[in-house]
Amino acid sequence: MQVKHLKKGDLVKVIAGKEKGKTGKVLTVLKDNNRVVIEKLNMIKRHQKANAMGKGGIVEKEGPIHASNVSILCGKCNKETRIGIKIFEDGKRVRICKKCSEILDV
């Protein structure tokens, strides 16, 4: 199963794990692993070897979180919600909020 309900730039809330209750913007979606990277959440440390251009050292960056542990936030009602799909007559598909029927795709 692939991540189909989340896209880059979505505002999400973490619903499980050590970052539970925190919100952030999706930076990348890793479809192969069903994971998302969220801005300034799940920070991990990685050791980086020095290269010719700069220093090495310990680098802190965002780690991936499984997509089932996040829920999308609606911009209008500011609640975590599920995603619905609305298909227009011209065949265009958009994501909508299940609670307030607001269109989530810009």
Protein backbone atom coordinates (compact mmCIF):
# COMPACT_ATOMS: atom_id res chain seq x y z
CA MET A 1 0.00 0.00 0.00
CA GLN A 2 1.34 3.40 -0.95
CA VAL A 3 0.87 6.78 0.66
CA LYS A 4 -1.86 8.40 -1.41
CA HIS A 5 -3.54 10.76 1.04
CA LEU A 6 -0.50 12.90 1.90
CA LYS A 7 1.37 15.34 -0.31
CA LYS A 8 4.36 17.62 0.09
CA GLY A 9 3.33 20.84 1.86
CA ASP A 10 0.37 19.36 3.78
CA LEU A 11 -0.06 20.36 7.41
CA VAL A 12 -0.24 17.20 9.54
CA LYS A 13 -0.57 16.20 13.19
CA VAL A 14 1.28 13.22 14.67
CA ILE A 15 -1.20 10.85 16.35
CA ALA A 16 1.18 8.14 17.63
CA GLY A 17 4.77 7.76 18.79
CA LYS A 18 7.20 9.95 20.69
CA GLU A 19 6.16 13.09 18.77
CA LYS A 20 2.42 12.57 19.47
CA GLY A 21 0.36 15.77 19.45
CA LYS A 22 2.86 17.88 17.49
CA THR A 23 2.09 19.43 14.12
CA GLY A 24 4.26 20.25 11.14
CA LYS A 25 4.52 20.56 7.38
CA VAL A 26 5.33 17.55 5.19
CA LEU A 27 8.75 18.01 3.54
CA THR A 28 8.93 14.75 1.56
CA VAL A 29 6.79 11.69 0.98
CA LEU A 30 8.66 8.37 0.77
CA LYS A 31 6.14 6.26 -1.17
CA ASP A 32 8.25 3.10 -1.20
CA ASN A 33 8.38 2.88 2.60
CA ASN A 34 4.99 4.49 3.41
CA ARG A 35 6.75 7.22 5.38
CA VAL A 36 6.77 11.02 5.50
CA VAL A 37 9.39 13.49 6.66
CA ILE A 38 7.89 16.33 8.70
CA GLU A 39 9.56 19.67 9.30
CA LYS A 40 11.39 19.86 12.69
CA LEU A 41 9.89 16.58 14.00
CA ASN A 42 11.55 13.24 14.79
CA MET A 43 15.03 14.78 14.85
CA ILE A 44 17.86 12.22 14.52
CA LYS A 45 21.63 12.58 14.67
CA ARG A 46 23.90 11.29 11.92
CA HIS A 47 27.68 11.24 11.82
CA GLN A 48 28.98 12.90 8.67
CA LYS A 49 32.45 12.34 7.33
CA ALA A 50 34.46 15.46 6.43
CA ASN A 51 34.65 16.20 2.72
CA ALA A 52 36.85 18.55 0.70
CA MET A 53 34.33 21.42 0.89
CA GLY A 54 33.44 21.47 4.57
CA LYS A 55 33.65 19.98 8.01
CA GLY A 56 32.41 16.67 9.25
CA GLY A 57 30.70 16.11 12.56
CA ILE A 58 27.35 15.21 14.01
CA VAL A 59 24.47 16.48 11.88
CA GLU A 60 20.90 16.70 13.19
CA LYS A 61 18.11 16.21 10.64
CA GLU A 62 14.48 15.10 10.38
CA GLY A 63 13.77 11.38 10.35
CA PRO A 64 10.86 9.69 8.59
CA ILE A 65 7.59 8.85 10.38
CA HIS A 66 5.21 6.13 9.18
CA ALA A 67 2.22 7.55 7.32
CA SER A 68 -0.26 5.70 9.53
CA ASN A 69 0.99 7.73 12.51
CA VAL A 70 0.01 11.11 11.05
CA SER A 71 -3.33 12.71 10.30
CA ILE A 72 -3.92 15.64 7.97
CA LEU A 73 -5.19 18.95 9.36
CA CYS A 74 -7.92 20.90 7.60
CA GLY A 75 -7.08 24.55 6.97
CA LYS A 76 -10.65 25.74 7.47
CA CYS A 77 -11.86 23.86 10.57
CA ASN A 78 -8.35 23.30 12.08
CA LYS A 79 -9.19 19.71 13.03
CA GLU A 80 -7.51 16.46 12.12
CA THR A 81 -9.60 14.76 9.50
CA ARG A 82 -9.84 11.96 7.00
CA ILE A 83 -9.57 12.57 3.28
CA GLY A 84 -12.37 12.28 0.76
CA ILE A 85 -12.11 12.48 -3.03
CA LYS A 86 -14.44 14.68 -5.07
CA ILE A 87 -14.56 14.22 -8.85
CA PHE A 88 -15.76 17.15 -10.94
CA GLU A 89 -17.61 16.84 -14.25
CA ASP A 90 -14.44 17.57 -16.24
CA GLY A 91 -12.72 14.58 -14.56
CA LYS A 92 -10.57 16.59 -12.15
CA ARG A 93 -10.07 14.89 -8.75
CA VAL A 94 -9.51 16.89 -5.56
CA ARG A 95 -9.07 15.96 -1.90
CA ILE A 96 -11.71 17.23 0.51
CA CYS A 97 -12.09 17.36 4.30
CA LYS A 98 -14.58 14.76 5.54
CA LYS A 99 -15.74 17.05 8.38
CA CYS A 100 -16.39 20.37 6.64
CA SER A 101 -16.19 19.41 2.91
CA GLU A 102 -13.51 22.06 2.26
CA ILE A 103 -11.20 21.43 -0.70
CA LEU A 104 -7.67 20.65 0.60
CA ASP A 105 -5.83 20.85 -2.75
CA VAL A 106 -4.78 24.35 -3.71
